[in-house]
PDB file of N, CA and C in Angstrom:
ATOM      1  N   UNK A   1     151.074 100.946 127.697  1.00  0.00           N
ATOM      2  CA  UNK A   1     149.779 100.324 127.484  1.00  0.00           C
ATOM      3  C   UNK A   1     148.865 101.287 126.746  1.00  0.00           C
ATOM      4  N   UNK A   2     148.266 100.857 125.669  1.00  0.00           N
ATOM      5  CA  UNK A   2     147.378 101.724 124.896  1.00  0.00           C
ATOM      6  C   UNK A   2     145.941 101.498 125.301  1.00  0.00           C
ATOM      7  N   UNK A   3     145.199 102.568 125.214  1.00  0.00           N
ATOM      8  CA  UNK A   3     143.774 102.507 125.562  1.00  0.00           C
ATOM      9  C   UNK A   3     142.982 102.507 124.261  1.00  0.00           C
ATOM     10  N   UNK A   4     142.634 101.344 123.767  1.00  0.00           N
ATOM     11  CA  UNK A   4     141.867 101.248 122.531  1.00  0.00           C
ATOM     12  C   UNK A   4     140.420 100.948 122.862  1.00  0.00           C
ATOM     13  N   UNK A   5     139.553 101.720 122.246  1.00  0.00           N
ATOM     14  CA  UNK A   5     138.128 101.475 122.440  1.00  0.00           C
ATOM     15  C   UNK A   5     137.620 100.568 121.340  1.00  0.00           C
ATOM     16  N   UNK A   6     136.846  99.587 121.727  1.00  0.00           N
ATOM     17  CA  UNK A   6     136.253  98.671 120.768  1.00  0.00           C
ATOM     18  C   UNK A   6     134.878  99.206 120.415  1.00  0.00           C
ATOM     19  N   UNK A   7     134.649  99.404 119.139  1.00  0.00           N
ATOM     20  CA  UNK A   7     133.338  99.848 118.689  1.00  0.00           C
ATOM     21  C   UNK A   7     132.401  98.655 118.701  1.00  0.00           C
ATOM     22  N   UNK A   8     131.266  98.782 119.406  1.00  0.00           N
ATOM     23  CA  UNK A   8     130.347  97.634 119.440  1.00  0.00           C
ATOM     24  C   UNK A   8     129.810  97.305 118.050  1.00  0.00           C
ATOM     25  N   UNK A   9     129.705  96.025 117.785  1.00  0.00           N
ATOM     26  CA  UNK A   9     129.142  95.574 116.522  1.00  0.00           C
ATOM     27  C   UNK A   9     127.624  95.709 116.626  1.00  0.00           C
ATOM     28  N   UNK A  10     127.009  96.178 115.564  1.00  0.00           N
ATOM     29  CA  UNK A  10     125.556  96.314 115.554  1.00  0.00           C
ATOM     30  C   UNK A  10     124.967  95.439 114.461  1.00  0.00           C
ATOM     31  N   UNK A  11     123.782  94.946 114.721  1.00  0.00           N
ATOM     32  CA  UNK A  11     123.076  94.120 113.761  1.00  0.00           C
ATOM     33  C   UNK A  11     121.806  94.820 113.316  1.00  0.00           C
ATOM     34  N   UNK A  12     121.409  94.550 112.092  1.00  0.00           N
ATOM     35  CA  UNK A  12     120.150  95.087 111.564  1.00  0.00           C
ATOM     36  C   UNK A  12     119.182  93.929 111.364  1.00  0.00           C
ATOM     37  N   UNK A  13     118.049  94.016 112.063  1.00  0.00           N
ATOM     38  CA  UNK A  13     116.968  93.043 111.910  1.00  0.00           C
ATOM     39  C   UNK A  13     115.965  93.642 110.927  1.00  0.00           C
ATOM     40  N   UNK A  14     115.615  92.898 109.910  1.00  0.00           N
ATOM     41  CA  UNK A  14     114.607  93.356 108.952  1.00  0.00           C
ATOM     42  C   UNK A  14     113.407  92.429 109.077  1.00  0.00           C
ATOM     43  N   UNK A  15     112.255  93.036 109.359  1.00  0.00           N
ATOM     44  CA  UNK A  15     111.032  92.284 109.651  1.00  0.00           C
ATOM     45  C   UNK A  15     109.931  92.741 108.709  1.00  0.00           C
ATOM     46  N   UNK A  16     109.275  91.789 108.067  1.00  0.00           N
ATOM     47  CA  UNK A  16     108.136  92.074 107.202  1.00  0.00           C
ATOM     48  C   UNK A  16     106.860  91.852 108.008  1.00  0.00           C
ATOM     49  N   UNK A  17     105.993  92.866 108.023  1.00  0.00           N
ATOM     50  CA  UNK A  17     104.707  92.768 108.710  1.00  0.00           C
ATOM     51  C   UNK A  17     103.627  92.946 107.661  1.00  0.00           C
ATOM     52  N   UNK A  18     102.659  92.044 107.657  1.00  0.00           N
ATOM     53  CA  UNK A  18     101.563  92.163 106.689  1.00  0.00           C
ATOM     54  C   UNK A  18     100.250  91.790 107.364  1.00  0.00           C
ATOM     55  N   UNK A  19      99.181  92.246 106.766  1.00  0.00           N
ATOM     56  CA  UNK A  19      97.851  91.950 107.282  1.00  0.00           C
ATOM     57  C   UNK A  19      97.570  90.471 107.054  1.00  0.00           C
ATOM     58  N   UNK A  20      96.981  89.824 108.051  1.00  0.00           N
ATOM     59  CA  UNK A  20      96.659  88.391 107.953  1.00  0.00           C
ATOM     60  C   UNK A  20      95.682  88.148 106.806  1.00  0.00           C
ATOM     61  N   UNK A  21      95.785  86.993 106.153  1.00  0.00           N
ATOM     62  CA  UNK A  21      94.791  86.639 105.131  1.00  0.00           C
ATOM     63  C   UNK A  21      93.391  86.640 105.748  1.00  0.00           C
ATOM     64  N   UNK A  22      92.436  87.118 105.006  1.00  0.00           N
ATOM     65  CA  UNK A  22      91.061  87.152 105.483  1.00  0.00           C
ATOM     66  C   UNK A  22      90.698  88.440 106.204  1.00  0.00           C
ATOM     67  N   UNK A  23      91.699  89.269 106.532  1.00  0.00           N
ATOM     68  CA  UNK A  23      91.446  90.552 107.184  1.00  0.00           C
ATOM     69  C   UNK A  23      91.318  91.614 106.093  1.00  0.00           C
ATOM     70  N   UNK A  24      90.303  92.448 106.195  1.00  0.00           N
ATOM     71  CA  UNK A  24      90.069  93.509 105.218  1.00  0.00           C
ATOM     72  C   UNK A  24      91.266  94.456 105.161  1.00  0.00           C
ATOM     73  N   UNK A  25      91.698  94.813 103.962  1.00  0.00           N
ATOM     74  CA  UNK A  25      92.820  95.726 103.750  1.00  0.00           C
ATOM     75  C   UNK A  25      92.341  96.917 102.920  1.00  0.00           C
ATOM     76  N   UNK A  26      91.725  97.927 103.552  1.00  0.00           N
ATOM     77  CA  UNK A  26      91.187  99.049 102.796  1.00  0.00           C
ATOM     78  C   UNK A  26      92.255  99.834 102.039  1.00  0.00           C
ATOM     79  N   UNK A  27      93.450  99.933 102.585  1.00  0.00           N
ATOM     80  CA  UNK A  27      94.521 100.638 101.881  1.00  0.00           C
ATOM     81  C   UNK A  27      94.906  99.870 100.617  1.00  0.00           C
ATOM     82  N   UNK A  28      95.011  98.564 100.720  1.00  0.00           N
ATOM     83  CA  UNK A  28      95.309  97.744  99.549  1.00  0.00           C
ATOM     84  C   UNK A  28      94.216  97.845  98.497  1.00  0.00           C
ATOM     85  N   UNK A  29      92.955  97.867  98.942  1.00  0.00           N
ATOM     86  CA  UNK A  29      91.835  98.012  98.003  1.00  0.00           C
ATOM     87  C   UNK A  29      91.887  99.359  97.290  1.00  0.00           C
ATOM     88  N   UNK A  30      92.241 100.422  98.024  1.00  0.00           N
ATOM     89  CA  UNK A  30      92.334 101.757  97.412  1.00  0.00           C
ATOM     90  C   UNK A  30      93.445 101.798  96.368  1.00  0.00           C
ATOM     91  N   UNK A  31      94.589 101.178  96.675  1.00  0.00           N
ATOM     92  CA  UNK A  31      95.692 101.138  95.717  1.00  0.00           C
ATOM     93  C   UNK A  31      95.303 100.314  94.496  1.00  0.00           C
ATOM     94  N   UNK A  32      94.633  99.198  94.714  1.00  0.00           N
ATOM     95  CA  UNK A  32      94.177  98.356  93.605  1.00  0.00           C
ATOM     96  C   UNK A  32      93.248  99.145  92.691  1.00  0.00           C
ATOM     97  N   UNK A  33      92.311  99.873  93.288  1.00  0.00           N
ATOM     98  CA  UNK A  33      91.382 100.682  92.498  1.00  0.00           C
ATOM     99  C   UNK A  33      92.117 101.778  91.719  1.00  0.00           C
ATOM    100  N   UNK A  34      93.100 102.412  92.369  1.00  0.00           N
ATOM    101  CA  UNK A  34      93.883 103.453  91.693  1.00  0.00           C
ATOM    102  C   UNK A  34      94.663 102.867  90.512  1.00  0.00           C
ATOM    103  N   UNK A  35      95.191 101.670  90.672  1.00  0.00           N
ATOM    104  CA  UNK A  35      95.895 101.013  89.565  1.00  0.00           C
ATOM    105  C   UNK A  35      94.928 100.719  88.420  1.00  0.00           C
ATOM    106  N   UNK A  36      93.737 100.231  88.757  1.00  0.00           N
ATOM    107  CA  UNK A  36      92.725  99.983  87.724  1.00  0.00           C
ATOM    108  C   UNK A  36      92.354 101.285  87.015  1.00  0.00           C
ATOM    109  N   UNK A  37      92.180 102.357  87.795  1.00  0.00           N
ATOM    110  CA  UNK A  37      91.830 103.656  87.216  1.00  0.00           C
ATOM    111  C   UNK A  37      92.914 104.177  86.281  1.00  0.00           C
ATOM    112  N   UNK A  38      94.171 103.759  86.528  1.00  0.00           N
ATOM    113  CA  UNK A  38      95.268 104.211  85.667  1.00  0.00           C
ATOM    114  C   UNK A  38      95.500 103.267  84.489  1.00  0.00           C
ATOM    115  N   UNK A  39      94.616 102.272  84.341  1.00  0.00           N
ATOM    116  CA  UNK A  39      94.696 101.386  83.191  1.00  0.00           C
ATOM    117  C   UNK A  39      95.342 100.036  83.457  1.00  0.00           C
ATOM    118  N   UNK A  40      95.754  99.782  84.681  1.00  0.00           N
ATOM    119  CA  UNK A  40      96.389  98.501  84.998  1.00  0.00           C
ATOM    120  C   UNK A  40      95.319  97.497  85.413  1.00  0.00           C
ATOM    121  N   UNK A  41      94.475  97.119  84.459  1.00  0.00           N
ATOM    122  CA  UNK A  41      93.345  96.234  84.747  1.00  0.00           C
ATOM    123  C   UNK A  41      93.744  94.790  85.018  1.00  0.00           C
ATOM    124  N   UNK A  42      95.006  94.446  84.732  1.00  0.00           N
ATOM    125  CA  UNK A  42      95.469  93.084  84.992  1.00  0.00           C
ATOM    126  C   UNK A  42      95.749  92.845  86.481  1.00  0.00           C
ATOM    127  N   UNK A  43      95.786  93.912  87.279  1.00  0.00           N
ATOM    128  CA  UNK A  43      96.029  93.775  88.720  1.00  0.00           C
ATOM    129  C   UNK A  43      94.787  93.181  89.372  1.00  0.00           C
ATOM    130  N   UNK A  44      94.968  92.061  90.046  1.00  0.00           N
ATOM    131  CA  UNK A  44      93.848  91.364  90.680  1.00  0.00           C
ATOM    132  C   UNK A  44      93.598  91.860  92.105  1.00  0.00           C
ATOM    133  N   UNK A  45      94.663  92.005  92.879  1.00  0.00           N
ATOM    134  CA  UNK A  45      94.504  92.487  94.246  1.00  0.00           C
ATOM    135  C   UNK A  45      95.820  93.063  94.743  1.00  0.00           C
ATOM    136  N   UNK A  46      95.731  93.875  95.803  1.00  0.00           N
ATOM    137  CA  UNK A  46      96.906  94.485  96.419  1.00  0.00           C
ATOM    138  C   UNK A  46      96.746  94.357  97.929  1.00  0.00           C
ATOM    139  N   UNK A  47      97.810  93.955  98.602  1.00  0.00           N
ATOM    140  CA  UNK A  47      97.844  93.923 100.071  1.00  0.00           C
ATOM    141  C   UNK A  47      99.003  94.818 100.503  1.00  0.00           C
ATOM    142  N   UNK A  48      98.774  95.661 101.473  1.00  0.00           N
ATOM    143  CA  UNK A  48      99.791  96.589 101.944  1.00  0.00           C
ATOM    144  C   UNK A  48     100.386  96.058 103.247  1.00  0.00           C
ATOM    145  N   UNK A  49     101.691  96.096 103.348  1.00  0.00           N
ATOM    146  CA  UNK A  49     102.399  95.693 104.564  1.00  0.00           C
ATOM    147  C   UNK A  49     103.426  96.749 104.912  1.00  0.00           C
ATOM    148  N   UNK A  50     104.336  96.378 105.785  1.00  0.00           N
ATOM    149  CA  UNK A  50     105.403  97.307 106.157  1.00  0.00           C
ATOM    150  C   UNK A  50     106.666  96.520 106.472  1.00  0.00           C
ATOM    151  N   UNK A  51     107.789  97.196 106.294  1.00  0.00           N
ATOM    152  CA  UNK A  51     109.088  96.647 106.642  1.00  0.00           C
ATOM    153  C   UNK A  51     109.581  97.426 107.856  1.00  0.00           C
ATOM    154  N   UNK A  52     110.018  96.707 108.873  1.00  0.00           N
ATOM    155  CA  UNK A  52     110.569  97.331 110.068  1.00  0.00           C
ATOM    156  C   UNK A  52     112.037  96.938 110.150  1.00  0.00           C
ATOM    157  N   UNK A  53     112.909  97.929 110.301  1.00  0.00           N
ATOM    158  CA  UNK A  53     114.332  97.665 110.489  1.00  0.00           C
ATOM    159  C   UNK A  53     114.702  98.099 111.900  1.00  0.00           C
ATOM    160  N   UNK A  54     115.307  97.198 112.648  1.00  0.00           N
ATOM    161  CA  UNK A  54     115.734  97.461 114.017  1.00  0.00           C
ATOM    162  C   UNK A  54     117.247  97.281 114.065  1.00  0.00           C
ATOM    163  N   UNK A  55     117.952  98.320 114.524  1.00  0.00           N
ATOM    164  CA  UNK A  55     119.397  98.216 114.724  1.00  0.00           C
ATOM    165  C   UNK A  55     119.612  97.910 116.204  1.00  0.00           C
ATOM    166  N   UNK A  56     120.380  96.869 116.471  1.00  0.00           N
ATOM    167  CA  UNK A  56     120.591  96.408 117.844  1.00  0.00           C
ATOM    168  C   UNK A  56     122.064  96.106 118.048  1.00  0.00           C
ATOM    169  N   UNK A  57     122.548  96.383 119.249  1.00  0.00           N
ATOM    170  CA  UNK A  57     123.923  96.062 119.576  1.00  0.00           C
ATOM    171  C   UNK A  57     124.089  94.555 119.701  1.00  0.00           C
ATOM    172  N   UNK A  58     125.131  94.046 119.080  1.00  0.00           N
ATOM    173  CA  UNK A  58     125.418  92.613 119.133  1.00  0.00           C
ATOM    174  C   UNK A  58     125.940  92.259 120.518  1.00  0.00           C
ATOM    175  N   UNK A  59     125.431  91.180 121.068  1.00  0.00           N
ATOM    176  CA  UNK A  59     125.908  90.663 122.350  1.00  0.00           C
ATOM    177  C   UNK A  59     126.302  89.212 122.129  1.00  0.00           C
ATOM    178  N   UNK A  60     127.405  88.791 122.727  1.00  0.00           N
ATOM    179  CA  UNK A  60     127.850  87.409 122.508  1.00  0.00           C
ATOM    180  C   UNK A  60     126.792  86.388 122.924  1.00  0.00           C
ATOM    181  N   UNK A  61     126.649  85.373 122.112  1.00  0.00           N
ATOM    182  CA  UNK A  61     125.799  84.216 122.393  1.00  0.00           C
ATOM    183  C   UNK A  61     124.316  84.563 122.518  1.00  0.00           C
ATOM    184  N   UNK A  62     123.904  85.666 121.934  1.00  0.00           N
ATOM    185  CA  UNK A  62     122.491  86.066 121.969  1.00  0.00           C
ATOM    186  C   UNK A  62     121.779  85.403 120.787  1.00  0.00           C
ATOM    187  N   UNK A  63     120.590  84.887 121.021  1.00  0.00           N
ATOM    188  CA  UNK A  63     119.777  84.311 119.950  1.00  0.00           C
ATOM    189  C   UNK A  63     118.940  85.444 119.352  1.00  0.00           C
ATOM    190  N   UNK A  64     119.481  86.094 118.322  1.00  0.00           N
ATOM    191  CA  UNK A  64     118.839  87.284 117.785  1.00  0.00           C
ATOM    192  C   UNK A  64     117.534  86.983 117.061  1.00  0.00           C
ATOM    193  N   UNK A  65     117.384  85.781 116.526  1.00  0.00           N
ATOM    194  CA  UNK A  65     116.092  85.426 115.923  1.00  0.00           C
ATOM    195  C   UNK A  65     115.016  85.421 117.002  1.00  0.00           C
ATOM    196  N   UNK A  66     115.349  84.918 118.173  1.00  0.00           N
ATOM    197  CA  UNK A  66     114.394  84.900 119.278  1.00  0.00           C
ATOM    198  C   UNK A  66     114.130  86.315 119.785  1.00  0.00           C
ATOM    199  N   UNK A  67     115.155  87.158 119.805  1.00  0.00           N
ATOM    200  CA  UNK A  67     114.986  88.556 120.216  1.00  0.00           C
ATOM    201  C   UNK A  67     114.047  89.267 119.246  1.00  0.00           C
ATOM    202  N   UNK A  68     114.250  89.087 117.941  1.00  0.00           N
ATOM    203  CA  UNK A  68     113.387  89.714 116.934  1.00  0.00           C
ATOM    204  C   UNK A  68     111.949  89.219 117.083  1.00  0.00           C
ATOM    205  N   UNK A  69     111.785  87.926 117.295  1.00  0.00           N
ATOM    206  CA  UNK A  69     110.444  87.358 117.485  1.00  0.00           C
ATOM    207  C   UNK A  69     109.780  87.963 118.720  1.00  0.00           C
ATOM    208  N   UNK A  70     110.540  88.106 119.779  1.00  0.00           N
ATOM    209  CA  UNK A  70     110.017  88.696 121.008  1.00  0.00           C
ATOM    210  C   UNK A  70     109.586  90.145 120.789  1.00  0.00           C
ATOM    211  N   UNK A  71     110.399  90.920 120.048  1.00  0.00           N
ATOM    212  CA  UNK A  71     110.027  92.301 119.731  1.00  0.00           C
ATOM    213  C   UNK A  71     108.695  92.334 118.985  1.00  0.00           C
ATOM    214  N   UNK A  72     108.555  91.450 118.010  1.00  0.00           N
ATOM    215  CA  UNK A  72     107.326  91.414 117.205  1.00  0.00           C
ATOM    216  C   UNK A  72     106.119  91.053 118.061  1.00  0.00           C
ATOM    217  N   UNK A  73     106.264  90.007 118.846  1.00  0.00           N
ATOM    218  CA  UNK A  73     105.139  89.515 119.634  1.00  0.00           C
ATOM    219  C   UNK A  73     104.740  90.476 120.747  1.00  0.00           C
ATOM    220  N   UNK A  74     105.695  91.259 121.253  1.00  0.00           N
ATOM    221  CA  UNK A  74     105.383  92.142 122.379  1.00  0.00           C
ATOM    222  C   UNK A  74     104.978  93.544 121.967  1.00  0.00           C
ATOM    223  N   UNK A  75     105.415  94.011 120.780  1.00  0.00           N
ATOM    224  CA  UNK A  75     105.179  95.417 120.462  1.00  0.00           C
ATOM    225  C   UNK A  75     104.951  95.731 118.986  1.00  0.00           C
ATOM    226  N   UNK A  76     105.700  95.125 118.096  1.00  0.00           N
ATOM    227  CA  UNK A  76     105.714  95.564 116.702  1.00  0.00           C
ATOM    228  C   UNK A  76     104.534  95.084 115.865  1.00  0.00           C
ATOM    229  N   UNK A  77     103.891  94.007 116.287  1.00  0.00           N
ATOM    230  CA  UNK A  77     102.846  93.383 115.474  1.00  0.00           C
ATOM    231  C   UNK A  77     101.576  93.221 116.301  1.00  0.00           C
ATOM    232  N   UNK A  78     100.434  93.522 115.676  1.00  0.00           N
ATOM    233  CA  UNK A  78      99.145  93.247 116.299  1.00  0.00           C
ATOM    234  C   UNK A  78      98.770  91.814 115.914  1.00  0.00           C
ATOM    235  N   UNK A  79      98.844  90.859 116.845  1.00  0.00           N
ATOM    236  CA  UNK A  79      98.629  89.452 116.483  1.00  0.00           C
ATOM    237  C   UNK A  79      97.212  89.133 116.022  1.00  0.00           C
ATOM    238  N   UNK A  80      96.266  90.015 116.302  1.00  0.00           N
ATOM    239  CA  UNK A  80      94.891  89.771 115.848  1.00  0.00           C
ATOM    240  C   UNK A  80      94.725  90.040 114.363  1.00  0.00           C
ATOM    241  N   UNK A  81      95.489  90.996 113.830  1.00  0.00           N
ATOM    242  CA  UNK A  81      95.281  91.400 112.444  1.00  0.00           C
ATOM    243  C   UNK A  81      96.515  91.259 111.563  1.00  0.00           C
ATOM    244  N   UNK A  82      97.685  91.029 112.167  1.00  0.00           N
ATOM    245  CA  UNK A  82      98.916  91.021 111.381  1.00  0.00           C
ATOM    246  C   UNK A  82      99.718  89.750 111.632  1.00  0.00           C
ATOM    247  N   UNK A  83     100.572  89.430 110.658  1.00  0.00           N
ATOM    248  CA  UNK A  83     101.542  88.354 110.794  1.00  0.00           C
ATOM    249  C   UNK A  83     102.905  88.927 110.429  1.00  0.00           C
ATOM    250  N   UNK A  84     103.970  88.242 110.845  1.00  0.00           N
ATOM    251  CA  UNK A  84     105.306  88.769 110.571  1.00  0.00           C
ATOM    252  C   UNK A  84     106.234  87.668 110.094  1.00  0.00           C
ATOM    253  N   UNK A  85     107.289  88.126 109.435  1.00  0.00           N
ATOM    254  CA  UNK A  85     108.339  87.226 108.968  1.00  0.00           C
ATOM    255  C   UNK A  85     109.666  87.947 109.176  1.00  0.00           C
ATOM    256  N   UNK A  86     110.601  87.299 109.835  1.00  0.00           N
ATOM    257  CA  UNK A  86     111.928  87.877 110.015  1.00  0.00           C
ATOM    258  C   UNK A  86     112.701  87.604 108.729  1.00  0.00           C
ATOM    259  N   UNK A  87     112.961  88.660 107.972  1.00  0.00           N
ATOM    260  CA  UNK A  87     113.605  88.505 106.667  1.00  0.00           C
ATOM    261  C   UNK A  87     115.106  88.307 106.787  1.00  0.00           C
ATOM    262  N   UNK A  88     115.747  89.072 107.689  1.00  0.00           N
ATOM    263  CA  UNK A  88     117.198  88.931 107.833  1.00  0.00           C
ATOM    264  C   UNK A  88     117.665  89.524 109.149  1.00  0.00           C
ATOM    265  N   UNK A  89     118.804  89.038 109.587  1.00  0.00           N
ATOM    266  CA  UNK A  89     119.545  89.619 110.704  1.00  0.00           C
ATOM    267  C   UNK A  89     120.994  89.640 110.229  1.00  0.00           C
ATOM    268  N   UNK A  90     121.478  90.833 109.909  1.00  0.00           N
ATOM    269  CA  UNK A  90     122.799  90.980 109.302  1.00  0.00           C
ATOM    270  C   UNK A  90     123.557  92.106 109.999  1.00  0.00           C
ATOM    271  N   UNK A  91     124.875  92.167 109.815  1.00  0.00           N
ATOM    272  CA  UNK A  91     125.620  93.294 110.373  1.00  0.00           C
ATOM    273  C   UNK A  91     125.067  94.613 109.826  1.00  0.00           C
ATOM    274  N   UNK A  92     124.893  95.570 110.716  1.00  0.00           N
ATOM    275  CA  UNK A  92     124.370  96.876 110.309  1.00  0.00           C
ATOM    276  C   UNK A  92     125.475  97.665 109.644  1.00  0.00           C
ATOM    277  N   UNK A  93     125.104  98.458 108.641  1.00  0.00           N
ATOM    278  CA  UNK A  93     126.121  99.315 108.032  1.00  0.00           C
ATOM    279  C   UNK A  93     126.600 100.348 109.056  1.00  0.00           C
ATOM    280  N   UNK A  94     127.861 100.694 108.989  1.00  0.00           N
ATOM    281  CA  UNK A  94     128.377 101.729 109.882  1.00  0.00           C
ATOM    282  C   UNK A  94     127.917 103.079 109.380  1.00  0.00           C
ATOM    283  N   UNK A  95     127.907 104.056 110.245  1.00  0.00           N
ATOM    284  CA  UNK A  95     127.424 105.383 109.848  1.00  0.00           C
ATOM    285  C   UNK A  95     128.263 105.960 108.720  1.00  0.00           C
ATOM    286  N   UNK A  96     129.535 105.583 108.634  1.00  0.00           N
ATOM    287  CA  UNK A  96     130.381 106.096 107.546  1.00  0.00           C
ATOM    288  C   UNK A  96     130.093 105.426 106.215  1.00  0.00           C
ATOM    289  N   UNK A  97     129.432 104.235 106.238  1.00  0.00           N
ATOM    290  CA  UNK A  97     129.160 103.529 104.985  1.00  0.00           C
ATOM    291  C   UNK A  97     127.761 103.783 104.475  1.00  0.00           C
ATOM    292  N   UNK A  98     126.958 104.519 105.222  1.00  0.00           N
ATOM    293  CA  UNK A  98     125.586 104.798 104.778  1.00  0.00           C
ATOM    294  C   UNK A  98     125.595 105.890 103.738  1.00  0.00           C
ATOM    295  N   UNK A  99     124.769 105.716 102.730  1.00  0.00           N
ATOM    296  CA  UNK A  99     124.602 106.760 101.727  1.00  0.00           C
ATOM    297  C   UNK A  99     123.117 107.053 101.605  1.00  0.00           C
ATOM    298  N   UNK A 100     122.813 108.307 101.425  1.00  0.00           N
ATOM    299  CA  UNK A 100     121.420 108.683 101.246  1.00  0.00           C
ATOM    300  C   UNK A 100     120.609 108.709 102.521  1.00  0.00           C
ATOM    301  N   UNK A 101     121.254 108.626 103.699  1.00  0.00           N
ATOM    302  CA  UNK A 101     120.506 108.672 104.953  1.00  0.00           C
ATOM    303  C   UNK A 101     120.129 110.100 105.260  1.00  0.00           C
ATOM    304  N   UNK A 102     119.041 110.236 105.973  1.00  0.00           N
ATOM    305  CA  UNK A 102     118.597 111.577 106.355  1.00  0.00           C
ATOM    306  C   UNK A 102     119.042 111.891 107.741  1.00  0.00           C
TER     307      UNK A 102
END
C-alpha cells in the first residue's frame, strides 16, 4: 500500500474594490491633476481603486462566490464608502508555476 499525499487544490479570488460614486476621491483628483500637469489635458477624471487577491483552499461543494462576498462584506470593503465586484474565482497558480513573485 502506498502513502500518497494529495496536494489541496487552491483557488484565487480576485476582487475589485472602488470608491462609491459620489464619494470624494482625493487620490484620484491628485492623479488627474498630475496627468494634466504632464500635458494629458484630455483626461477628464480619475478614480483610484484596488485589486485584492485571496488564495483559498478549495473545499468540495463550497459556494466560493458567497465566500468571497462574505469576506468583502465583513472585512475587505468599507460599505459606507466603497463598492466591490468579484472579478474571478479561478484555480490558483502553483508555487512552481509562479514567475516574478517576491
